[in-house]
Protein backbone atom coordinates (compact mmCIF):
# COMPACT_ATOMS: atom_id res chain seq x y z
CA MET A 1 0.00 0.00 0.00
CA GLU A 2 1.24 3.48 -0.84
CA SER A 3 2.05 5.78 2.07
CA ARG A 4 2.43 9.58 2.14
CA PRO A 5 3.49 12.00 4.88
CA LEU A 6 0.75 14.46 3.89
CA VAL A 7 -2.32 14.06 1.69
CA VAL A 8 -4.47 17.07 0.76
CA VAL A 9 -7.96 16.36 -0.57
CA GLY A 10 -9.37 19.12 -2.77
CA ALA A 11 -7.38 21.18 -5.27
CA GLY A 12 -9.35 24.37 -5.00
CA VAL A 13 -7.88 27.63 -3.76
CA SER A 14 -7.47 26.50 -0.14
CA GLY A 15 -6.32 22.94 -0.84
CA SER A 16 -3.73 24.01 -3.41
CA ALA A 17 -2.45 26.71 -1.04
CA ALA A 18 -2.14 24.14 1.77
CA ALA A 19 -0.22 21.72 -0.44
CA THR A 20 2.10 24.45 -1.73
CA GLU A 21 2.84 25.81 1.76
CA ALA A 22 3.66 22.36 3.14
CA ALA A 23 5.79 21.47 0.10
CA LYS A 24 7.83 24.68 0.52
CA ALA A 25 8.47 23.58 4.10
CA GLY A 26 10.01 20.36 2.81
CA VAL A 27 7.07 17.95 3.13
CA HIS A 28 6.34 15.39 0.41
CA VAL A 29 2.72 16.21 -0.44
CA THR A 30 0.09 14.44 -2.52
CA LEU A 31 -2.78 16.66 -3.71
CA ILE A 32 -5.94 14.83 -4.81
CA ASP A 33 -8.94 16.23 -6.65
CA GLU A 34 -11.87 14.36 -8.21
CA ASN A 35 -12.28 16.81 -11.08
CA PRO A 36 -12.84 16.11 -13.87
CA VAL A 37 -15.54 13.63 -12.96
CA PRO A 38 -16.69 11.14 -15.62
CA ALA A 39 -19.81 12.13 -17.54
CA ALA A 40 -21.68 9.09 -16.20
CA ILE A 41 -21.07 10.19 -12.60
CA ALA A 42 -21.91 13.83 -13.41
CA GLY A 43 -25.18 12.53 -14.86
CA LEU A 44 -26.02 11.23 -11.36
CA ASN A 45 -25.41 14.75 -9.95
CA VAL A 46 -22.21 13.73 -8.20
CA PRO A 47 -20.31 15.48 -6.74
CA GLN A 48 -22.26 18.59 -7.73
CA PHE A 49 -25.77 19.29 -8.96
CA PHE A 50 -25.05 19.33 -12.71
CA GLY A 51 -28.65 18.78 -13.85
CA GLN A 52 -27.70 17.28 -17.24
CA ARG A 53 -26.68 20.71 -18.52
CA PHE A 54 -23.28 19.71 -19.88
CA SER A 55 -22.05 19.34 -23.42
CA GLY A 56 -20.47 16.32 -25.07
CA ASP A 57 -17.02 17.69 -24.24
CA LEU A 58 -17.40 16.20 -20.77
CA ARG A 59 -16.98 12.73 -22.29
CA ASP A 60 -13.51 13.60 -23.61
CA ARG A 61 -11.44 12.84 -20.52
CA ALA A 62 -8.12 14.02 -21.93
CA LEU A 63 -9.66 17.37 -22.88
CA MET A 64 -11.28 17.73 -19.46
CA LEU A 65 -8.00 17.01 -17.65
CA GLU A 66 -6.34 19.68 -19.74
CA ARG A 67 -9.07 22.24 -19.03
CA VAL A 68 -9.23 21.53 -15.29
CA ALA A 69 -5.46 21.90 -14.96
CA ALA A 70 -5.44 25.11 -17.02
CA ALA A 71 -8.33 26.65 -15.05
CA SER A 72 -6.38 26.81 -11.78
CA GLU A 73 -3.23 28.86 -11.32
CA ALA A 74 -3.06 27.49 -7.78
CA VAL A 75 -2.67 23.92 -9.07
CA THR A 76 0.09 25.07 -11.43
CA GLU A 77 1.85 26.73 -8.48
CA ALA A 78 1.51 23.54 -6.43
CA LYS A 79 3.10 21.47 -9.21
CA ALA A 80 5.96 23.98 -9.42
CA ALA A 81 6.53 23.53 -5.68
CA GLY A 82 6.98 19.79 -6.17
CA VAL A 83 3.51 18.62 -5.13
CA ASP A 84 2.32 15.28 -6.53
CA VAL A 85 -1.00 16.35 -8.11
CA GLN A 86 -3.52 13.63 -8.92
CA LEU A 87 -6.53 14.99 -10.84
CA GLY A 88 -9.55 12.90 -11.76
CA THR A 89 -9.12 10.91 -8.54
CA CYS A 90 -11.90 10.72 -5.97
CA VAL A 91 -11.72 9.78 -2.30
CA TRP A 92 -14.52 7.29 -1.70
CA GLY A 93 -13.72 6.37 1.91
CA ALA A 94 -11.67 7.34 4.97
CA PHE A 95 -10.70 4.87 7.68
CA ARG A 96 -8.83 4.95 10.98
CA ASN A 97 -8.69 2.80 14.08
CA SER A 98 -11.58 3.46 16.45
CA ASP A 99 -13.97 1.59 18.72
CA SER A 100 -15.31 -0.31 15.71
CA SER A 101 -12.01 -0.80 13.88
CA ARG A 102 -8.76 -1.77 15.63
CA MET A 103 -6.72 -3.69 13.04
CA LEU A 104 -5.75 -0.98 10.53
CA ASP A 105 -2.09 -0.33 9.87
CA GLY A 106 -2.58 3.41 10.30
CA PRO A 107 -5.19 5.80 8.85
CA GLN A 108 -6.09 5.20 5.23
CA LEU A 109 -8.05 6.66 2.32
CA GLY A 110 -9.88 4.79 -0.42
CA LEU A 111 -9.10 6.32 -3.83
CA ALA A 112 -10.45 5.66 -7.31
CA ASN A 113 -10.15 7.00 -10.83
CA ASP A 114 -11.99 5.92 -13.97
CA GLU A 115 -10.02 2.67 -14.19
CA ARG A 116 -9.25 1.31 -10.72
CA SER A 117 -9.48 1.80 -6.96
CA TRP A 118 -6.75 1.54 -4.33
CA MET A 119 -5.85 2.44 -0.75
CA ILE A 120 -3.30 4.96 0.48
CA LYS A 121 -1.92 5.55 3.97
CA TYR A 122 -1.05 8.96 5.36
CA ASP A 123 0.55 10.56 8.42
CA ARG A 124 -1.34 13.86 8.13
CA LEU A 125 -4.47 14.76 6.20
CA ILE A 126 -5.82 18.15 5.10
CA LEU A 127 -9.43 18.14 3.92
CA ALA A 128 -10.28 21.05 1.61
CA THR A 129 -13.32 19.35 0.12
CA GLY A 130 -15.29 22.57 -0.35
CA ALA A 131 -19.06 22.91 -0.34
CA ARG A 132 -21.95 21.57 -2.41
CA ASP A 133 -25.24 23.07 -3.49
CA LEU A 134 -28.17 23.24 -1.11
CA GLY A 135 -31.08 21.46 -2.75
CA ILE A 136 -34.63 22.55 -2.02
CA ALA A 137 -37.36 20.90 -4.07
CA PHE A 138 -39.69 22.68 -6.47
CA SER A 139 -42.17 21.30 -8.95
CA GLY A 140 -40.26 20.16 -12.03
CA TRP A 141 -36.80 20.12 -10.52
CA ASN A 142 -36.44 16.50 -11.62
CA LEU A 143 -36.35 17.70 -15.25
CA ALA A 144 -33.05 18.19 -17.03
CA GLY A 145 -31.98 21.80 -16.63
CA ALA A 146 -32.31 22.21 -12.86
CA VAL A 147 -28.75 22.82 -11.65
CA GLY A 148 -26.95 24.11 -8.58
CA ALA A 149 -24.72 27.17 -8.42
CA ASN A 150 -21.56 25.17 -7.72
CA GLY A 151 -22.46 22.70 -10.45
CA ALA A 152 -23.02 25.56 -12.89
CA PHE A 153 -19.73 27.18 -11.83
CA CYS A 154 -17.87 23.94 -12.46
CA LEU A 155 -19.41 23.50 -15.91
CA MET A 156 -18.84 27.11 -16.91
CA ASN A 157 -15.37 27.61 -15.44
CA ARG A 158 -13.44 24.38 -14.84
CA TYR A 159 -14.92 22.26 -17.63
CA GLU A 160 -16.00 24.92 -20.14
CA ALA A 161 -18.77 22.47 -20.98
CA SER A 162 -22.02 24.19 -20.03
CA ALA A 163 -24.94 23.54 -22.38
CA SER A 164 -27.22 26.20 -20.87
CA ARG A 165 -28.60 28.95 -23.12
CA ARG A 166 -31.10 30.91 -20.98
CA MET A 167 -31.07 30.79 -17.19
CA VAL A 168 -33.27 31.75 -14.24
CA VAL A 169 -31.31 32.12 -10.99
CA MET A 170 -32.96 31.35 -7.65
CA GLY A 171 -31.32 33.44 -4.93
CA ALA A 172 -30.33 37.11 -4.79
CA GLY A 173 -27.42 36.82 -2.37
CA ASN A 174 -23.79 37.04 -3.45
CA LEU A 175 -23.91 33.42 -4.57
CA GLY A 176 -26.79 34.06 -6.97
CA LEU A 177 -25.45 37.38 -8.23
CA SER A 178 -21.96 36.00 -8.88
CA THR A 179 -23.46 32.99 -10.69
CA ALA A 180 -25.49 35.31 -12.91
CA ARG A 181 -22.37 37.39 -13.61
CA MET A 182 -20.38 34.34 -14.66
CA ALA A 183 -23.24 33.10 -16.87
CA LEU A 184 -23.37 36.41 -18.72
CA ASP A 185 -19.59 36.39 -19.15
CA ARG A 186 -19.89 32.91 -20.73
CA GLY A 187 -22.53 34.06 -23.22
CA ILE A 188 -25.52 32.57 -21.33
CA GLU A 189 -28.57 34.81 -21.16
CA VAL A 190 -29.86 35.43 -17.63
CA ALA A 191 -33.61 35.95 -17.87
CA ALA A 192 -34.28 36.64 -14.19
CA ILE A 193 -33.01 36.49 -10.63
CA VAL A 194 -35.69 35.42 -8.13
CA ASP A 195 -35.71 35.66 -4.34
CA VAL A 196 -38.24 35.17 -1.55
CA SER A 197 -36.82 38.21 0.26
CA ASN A 198 -38.26 41.62 -0.42
CA SER A 199 -34.85 43.06 -1.34
CA VAL A 200 -31.56 41.97 -2.88
CA ARG A 201 -29.21 40.67 -0.19
CA GLY A 202 -26.03 40.62 -2.25
CA ASP A 203 -23.40 43.11 -3.35
CA VAL A 204 -24.98 46.41 -4.44
CA ALA A 205 -22.43 47.15 -7.18
CA LEU A 206 -22.83 43.67 -8.66
CA ARG A 207 -26.62 43.95 -8.57
CA THR A 208 -26.48 47.33 -10.34
CA ALA A 209 -24.18 45.99 -13.04
CA LEU A 210 -26.50 43.05 -13.70
CA GLN A 211 -29.56 45.31 -13.94
CA ARG A 212 -27.68 47.54 -16.35
CA GLU A 213 -27.25 44.51 -18.63
CA GLY A 214 -30.98 43.82 -18.61
CA VAL A 215 -31.26 41.14 -15.91
CA LYS A 216 -34.68 41.39 -14.24
CA LEU A 217 -35.01 41.01 -10.48
CA TYR A 218 -38.15 39.48 -8.96
CA MET A 219 -38.18 40.06 -5.21
CA SER A 220 -40.85 38.48 -2.97
CA HIS A 221 -41.28 35.76 -5.63
CA THR A 222 -40.82 32.03 -5.74
CA VAL A 223 -40.88 29.29 -8.38
CA ARG A 224 -44.26 27.65 -8.81
CA GLU A 225 -42.97 25.10 -11.31
CA ALA A 226 -40.53 24.35 -14.08
CA VAL A 227 -42.33 23.21 -17.22
CA GLY A 228 -40.98 21.14 -20.08
CA ARG A 229 -41.52 18.39 -22.58
CA PHE A 230 -39.39 15.34 -23.34
CA GLY A 231 -37.66 15.64 -19.96
CA ASP A 232 -36.13 19.11 -20.43
CA ILE A 233 -37.05 22.43 -18.84
CA GLU A 234 -38.52 24.89 -21.35
CA SER A 235 -40.05 27.56 -19.12
CA VAL A 236 -40.34 28.62 -15.48
CA VAL A 237 -43.49 29.86 -13.76
CA LEU A 238 -42.88 32.43 -11.03
CA VAL A 239 -45.43 33.64 -8.51
CA GLU A 240 -45.41 36.49 -6.02
CA ILE A 241 -45.59 35.57 -2.32
CA ASP A 242 -46.93 37.45 0.70
CA ASN A 243 -45.29 37.97 4.08
CA ASN A 244 -46.23 34.41 5.09
CA SER A 245 -44.56 32.90 2.01
CA GLU A 246 -47.98 32.10 0.54
CA PRO A 247 -48.52 32.49 -3.24
CA VAL A 248 -50.57 35.51 -4.29
CA ALA A 249 -53.28 34.48 -6.75
CA GLY A 250 -53.12 36.01 -10.21
CA THR A 251 -49.44 37.03 -10.03
CA GLU A 252 -47.98 34.19 -12.10
CA LYS A 253 -45.30 35.01 -14.68
CA VAL A 254 -44.02 32.60 -17.33
CA ILE A 255 -40.37 32.99 -18.33
CA ALA A 256 -38.80 31.04 -21.18
CA ALA A 257 -35.62 29.30 -19.97
CA ASP A 258 -33.81 25.99 -20.33
CA THR A 259 -32.01 26.21 -16.98
CA VAL A 260 -33.04 26.94 -13.40
CA CYS A 261 -30.04 27.50 -11.13
CA LEU A 262 -30.46 27.01 -7.38
CA ALA A 263 -28.18 29.57 -5.73
CA ILE A 264 -29.94 29.53 -2.37
CA GLY A 265 -26.94 28.36 -0.39
CA LEU A 266 -23.96 26.04 -0.05
CA VAL A 267 -23.36 23.24 2.43
CA PRO A 268 -19.90 22.09 3.64
CA ASN A 269 -18.80 18.66 2.34
CA VAL A 270 -18.24 16.89 5.66
CA GLU A 271 -18.59 13.26 4.50
CA LEU A 272 -14.94 12.34 5.08
CA LEU A 273 -14.82 14.24 8.36
CA SER A 274 -17.81 12.27 9.56
CA LEU A 275 -16.25 8.94 8.52
CA LEU A 276 -13.09 9.83 10.44
CA GLY A 277 -15.04 10.64 13.60
CA CYS A 278 -14.19 14.34 13.69
CA ASP A 279 -16.45 16.35 16.00
CA LEU A 280 -19.08 18.25 14.00
CA ARG A 281 -21.44 20.97 15.18
CA PHE A 282 -24.37 22.72 13.53
CA GLU A 283 -23.72 26.39 12.71
CA SER A 284 -26.63 28.11 10.97
CA GLY A 285 -24.44 30.96 9.77
CA LEU A 286 -21.82 28.64 8.26
CA GLY A 287 -24.01 26.45 6.09
CA GLY A 288 -24.90 23.57 8.41
CA TYR A 289 -22.62 21.01 10.04
CA VAL A 290 -18.99 22.14 10.30
CA PRO A 291 -15.98 20.61 12.06
CA ASP A 292 -14.66 21.79 15.41
CA ARG A 293 -11.19 23.20 14.81
CA ASP A 294 -8.52 25.17 16.62
CA ASP A 295 -6.55 28.24 15.54
CA TRP A 296 -4.27 26.03 13.42
CA MET A 297 -7.20 24.54 11.46
CA ARG A 298 -6.71 21.22 13.31
CA THR A 299 -9.86 19.15 13.94
CA SER A 300 -10.68 17.03 17.00
CA VAL A 301 -8.67 14.25 15.33
CA GLU A 302 -5.15 15.57 15.74
CA THR A 303 -3.83 14.24 12.42
CA VAL A 304 -6.64 15.84 10.39
CA PHE A 305 -6.82 19.50 9.35
CA VAL A 306 -9.40 21.47 7.35
CA ALA A 307 -9.38 24.54 5.12
CA GLY A 308 -11.77 26.51 2.95
CA ASP A 309 -15.52 26.08 2.60
CA VAL A 310 -15.59 22.71 4.38
CA ALA A 311 -14.57 24.57 7.54
CA GLY A 312 -17.69 26.75 7.25
CA PHE A 313 -19.18 28.74 4.42
CA HIS A 314 -20.72 32.18 4.40
CA GLU A 315 -21.71 34.38 1.49
CA GLY A 316 -18.96 36.93 1.99
CA MET A 317 -16.45 34.23 1.03
CA VAL A 318 -17.97 33.88 -2.44
CA LEU A 319 -16.22 37.05 -3.54
CA ASP A 320 -13.11 36.72 -1.34
CA SER A 321 -10.85 33.79 -2.18
CA GLU A 322 -8.07 35.33 -0.09
CA ILE A 323 -9.70 33.98 3.07
CA ALA A 324 -9.74 30.46 1.66
CA ARG A 325 -6.14 30.81 0.46
CA ASN A 326 -4.93 31.93 3.88
CA GLN A 327 -6.82 29.14 5.62
CA GLY A 328 -5.06 26.67 3.33
CA ARG A 329 -1.65 28.15 4.00
CA LEU A 330 -2.31 28.02 7.74
CA ALA A 331 -3.34 24.34 7.57
CA GLY A 332 -0.26 23.55 5.46
CA LEU A 333 2.01 25.24 8.00
CA ALA A 334 0.37 23.39 10.88
CA ALA A 335 0.71 20.02 9.14
CA ALA A 336 4.34 20.70 8.29
CA GLU A 337 5.12 21.70 11.89
CA SER A 338 3.38 18.62 13.28
CA LEU A 339 5.49 16.41 10.98
CA GLY A 340 8.69 18.09 12.20
CA ALA A 341 9.52 19.68 8.85
CA ILE A 342 9.72 23.14 10.49
CA GLY A 343 10.01 24.27 14.09
CA LYS A 344 7.27 25.83 16.19
CA ASP A 345 8.93 29.26 16.19
CA GLU A 346 9.23 29.29 12.40
CA ALA A 347 5.61 28.22 12.01
CA LEU A 348 4.48 31.02 14.35
CA ALA A 349 6.53 33.57 12.41
CA ARG A 350 5.06 32.44 9.07
CA ARG A 351 1.48 32.52 10.32
CA ALA A 352 1.70 36.07 11.69
CA ASP A 353 0.25 37.65 8.56
CA LEU A 354 -2.38 34.91 8.13
CA GLN A 355 -4.05 34.71 11.51
CA ALA A 356 -6.48 37.63 11.31
CA GLU A 357 -7.98 36.70 7.94
CA ALA A 358 -7.76 32.92 8.20
CA VAL A 359 -9.32 32.47 11.63
CA ASP A 360 -11.43 35.56 12.09
CA SER A 361 -14.00 35.06 9.32
CA ALA A 362 -17.34 36.63 10.17
CA SER A 363 -20.38 34.38 9.78
CA ASN A 364 -23.36 35.91 8.04
CA GLU A 365 -26.72 34.17 8.38
CA VAL A 366 -26.29 32.60 4.97
CA ASN A 367 -29.26 30.27 5.40
CA SER A 368 -31.55 32.64 7.29
CA ASN A 369 -34.04 32.51 4.42
CA TRP A 370 -33.76 28.78 3.67
CA ALA A 371 -36.91 28.08 5.67
CA SER A 372 -38.77 30.74 3.67
CA TRP A 373 -37.62 29.16 0.42
CA LEU A 374 -38.71 25.71 1.57
CA GLN A 375 -42.13 26.90 2.72
CA SER A 376 -42.78 28.95 -0.40
CA LEU A 377 -41.71 26.22 -2.85
CA VAL A 378 -43.72 23.45 -1.14
CA THR A 379 -46.78 25.69 -0.77
CA ALA A 380 -46.60 26.85 -4.39
CA GLY A 381 -45.81 23.44 -5.87
CA GLY A 382 -48.02 21.26 -3.69
CA PRO A 383 -47.36 18.09 -1.65
CA ASP A 384 -46.50 15.96 -4.69
CA ILE A 385 -43.14 17.62 -5.23
CA PHE A 386 -40.30 15.10 -5.28
CA VAL A 387 -38.28 15.97 -2.20
CA CYS A 388 -35.96 13.09 -3.18
CA PRO A 389 -35.90 12.92 -7.00
CA CYS A 390 -33.60 9.88 -7.13
CA GLU A 391 -35.98 7.65 -5.12
CA GLU A 392 -39.08 9.63 -6.19
CA VAL A 393 -40.21 10.37 -2.62
CA THR A 394 -42.72 13.22 -2.48
CA CYS A 395 -43.16 15.73 0.34
CA ALA A 396 -46.45 14.07 1.26
CA GLU A 397 -44.88 10.61 1.33
CA LEU A 398 -42.05 11.89 3.50
CA ASN A 399 -44.46 13.46 6.00
CA ASP A 400 -46.55 10.26 6.09
CA LEU A 401 -43.48 8.00 6.32
CA HIS A 402 -44.81 6.11 3.32
CA PRO A 403 -42.71 3.07 2.35
CA PRO A 404 -41.31 2.89 -1.20
CA ARG A 405 -44.16 2.72 -3.70
CA ARG A 406 -42.69 -0.27 -5.46
CA LEU A 407 -43.54 -2.34 -2.36
CA LYS A 408 -47.23 -1.61 -3.09
CA TRP A 409 -48.36 -1.95 0.50
CA LYS A 410 -48.70 -0.04 3.71
CA ALA A 411 -49.90 -1.76 6.87
CA GLU A 412 -52.93 -0.31 8.65
CA ARG A 413 -50.88 0.40 11.75
CA GLN A 414 -48.22 2.12 9.69
CA SER A 415 -50.85 4.25 7.94
CA ARG A 416 -51.37 6.04 11.25
CA ARG A 417 -47.70 6.98 11.43
CA ASN A 418 -46.16 10.25 10.28
CA LEU A 419 -43.32 12.55 11.24
CA ARG A 420 -45.21 14.01 14.19
CA THR A 421 -46.22 10.66 15.69
CA LEU A 422 -42.67 9.43 15.18
CA ALA A 423 -41.35 12.38 17.17
CA LYS A 424 -43.69 11.59 20.08
CA ASP A 425 -42.10 8.17 20.55
CA SER A 426 -38.48 9.29 20.34
CA PRO A 427 -36.40 12.26 19.16
CA ALA A 428 -36.84 12.63 15.42
CA ASP A 429 -33.89 11.22 13.50
CA SER A 430 -33.09 11.63 9.80
CA ASP A 431 -31.70 8.09 9.62
CA GLN A 432 -35.02 6.69 10.84
CA VAL A 433 -36.83 8.55 8.09
CA LYS A 434 -34.26 7.33 5.55
CA ARG A 435 -34.80 3.69 6.52
CA LEU A 436 -38.59 3.98 6.38
CA THR A 437 -38.91 5.88 3.10
CA ARG A 438 -35.54 5.42 1.31
CA VAL A 439 -35.20 9.21 1.07
CA GLY A 440 -31.52 10.03 0.60
CA MET A 441 -30.60 6.54 -0.62
CA GLY A 442 -30.58 7.24 -4.36
CA TYR A 443 -27.93 7.89 -6.98
CA CYS A 444 -26.77 11.24 -5.59
CA GLN A 445 -26.42 9.68 -2.10
CA GLY A 446 -28.51 12.36 -0.43
CA ARG A 447 -26.72 15.40 -1.82
CA LEU A 448 -29.97 16.89 -3.14
CA CYS A 449 -32.32 16.09 -0.25
CA ARG A 450 -30.28 15.71 2.95
CA GLU A 451 -30.73 19.27 4.26
CA GLN A 452 -34.35 19.71 3.25
CA VAL A 453 -35.26 16.44 4.98
CA SER A 454 -33.74 17.81 8.18
CA MET A 455 -35.60 21.11 7.74
CA MET A 456 -38.91 19.37 7.10
CA LEU A 457 -38.35 17.08 10.05
CA ALA A 458 -37.63 20.06 12.29
CA ALA A 459 -40.67 21.99 11.02
CA GLU A 460 -43.08 19.06 11.46
CA THR A 461 -41.86 18.19 14.95
CA GLY A 462 -41.46 21.72 16.30
CA ARG A 463 -37.73 21.40 16.84
CA ASP A 464 -34.79 23.52 15.83
CA VAL A 465 -32.98 22.13 12.80
CA ALA A 466 -29.76 22.19 14.85
CA ASP A 467 -31.30 19.50 17.09
CA VAL A 468 -31.91 17.09 14.19
CA PRO A 469 -28.98 14.62 14.04
CA ILE A 470 -26.97 14.58 10.86
CA MET A 471 -27.92 11.85 8.38
CA SER A 472 -25.14 9.26 8.54
CA TYR A 473 -22.52 8.67 5.87
CA ARG A 474 -21.20 5.29 4.75
CA PRO A 475 -18.37 4.45 2.38
CA PRO A 476 -18.25 4.60 -0.53
CA VAL A 477 -19.27 8.26 -0.40
CA ARG A 478 -18.96 8.37 -4.18
CA PRO A 479 -20.81 5.92 -6.46
CA LEU A 480 -18.26 3.58 -8.02
CA PRO A 481 -18.74 1.29 -11.02
CA LEU A 482 -18.07 -2.35 -10.11
CA LYS A 483 -15.33 -2.51 -12.73
CA VAL A 484 -13.53 0.29 -10.83
CA LEU A 485 -14.19 -1.08 -7.36
CA TRP A 486 -12.73 -4.47 -8.41
CA PRO A 487 -10.92 -4.08 -11.75
CA ARG A 488 -9.46 -7.59 -11.93
CA GLU A 489 -10.49 -10.36 -14.30
CA GLU A 490 -12.35 -13.47 -13.15
CA ALA A 491 -10.37 -16.67 -12.84
CA GLU A 492 -10.95 -19.25 -15.58
CA GLN A 493 -12.50 -21.67 -13.08
CA VAL A 494 -15.02 -19.03 -11.99
CA ARG A 495 -16.02 -18.40 -15.60
CA ARG A 496 -16.35 -22.13 -16.31
CA ASP A 497 -18.31 -23.01 -13.17
CA TRP A 498 -20.46 -19.93 -12.56
CA PRO A 499 -23.75 -21.51 -13.85
CA LYS A 500 -23.51 -24.04 -11.01
CA TRP A 501 -24.19 -21.25 -8.53
CA PHE A 502 -27.71 -20.90 -9.90
CA SER A 503 -28.73 -24.55 -10.28
CA PRO A 504 -28.92 -27.47 -7.83
CA PRO A 505 -26.16 -30.05 -7.97
CA ARG A 506 -26.86 -33.00 -10.26
CA GLN A 507 -27.80 -36.25 -8.58
CA VAL A 508 -25.76 -39.28 -9.43
CA LEU A 509 -28.13 -42.14 -10.33
CA GLY A 510 -27.14 -45.66 -9.34
């Protein structure tokens, strides 16, 4: 098994900065990033919400590797510093000795590319896994053309493979405004920006520039439905809402568009942190569950560090990559010092100009209007919205704890059960709901529905969303083709004898 002193997961701004800083301190560093992801995986909305809005270029892996490498100056700088950069490689699992595992020869990661999977050991680990799109269901979001802001950013910037032509953006914070700006710069028409708030929450100068280019703003509006034929979005129906997030009759507006971009919020990617047993806490202003960390970006597991959006996201960071860069440099310094590559005094001297920006990041209430979005979309679209599009679980079925429809039954006793009765018996738990309904168990592995399930569970049971336990993660945290998970050929005996597995042994007649 391969072994590395330091592995950095995520080659964004913060991860690349961490790898470069540690390499300059004399540490042998491996930097891993799953981009570019294969088209088949992107079609499952992994790792981002791509919504089938990518061109055929995504199937040309060599071209995508070239574009991803060229899109990041930070990755180029890391390579120049001697970092071993592995693009197109995902981390599907993280393992260390714990109460349930005592036989591992040190902490390990499960890696995979488009051809094979393997394990790698490490002494120190920096997770700069970023954030993913917050998914909140609306009628028609299961059609091709519903995308997330991070997914759209990846297609437009890293891959240069966006197939969108005319876009409606949901969310008027900095995330939505910056997404609209990038779309316009890439030649994509932005028909409207929609928000449930009564005013634009994002940067004033950016808003003014977008309006000057003809982008219409619809405040106190929500999406009633996305409409399309043959599985693709063709238009979006907006409706005005009142102070209670209720649709106002007669205010519908139909806007022609092939793409609806959810830019409501981002959620830290904590899957690997959860697998490693790092302490997580719910922070409303930082996008959900975030890791506990000290001033050196070290988590509760002393060999694991974090940097960037995975450490907590807020909208001010959308326009300020310097914070993410400094967090990465700080984590790289800390990892290098803990490995003995530099002394404590040198590490303290190097971090002097990083501390204020890297640690003191203010937390805006980035998801303060998430509940308003959820209420308005469900009220406008009705109870038959697919809250989990992969498993086709509707809002009504989630509330009623309805078993998967393919089972075609529901016991009389179970018919009296719902989220509220469940909460009376024991504290409401997302994993319970997942087991009963299969919500969150589809292709995207809960990336589209995880947060809204928690919000709906909290709303129905009268609890704060911070009190709803996080839905558990299990490896592999990325869907892997069987040929990648086990890329070896069958033995000749297995091929010759395999029919015997499915038929009873022949009787020998006397």
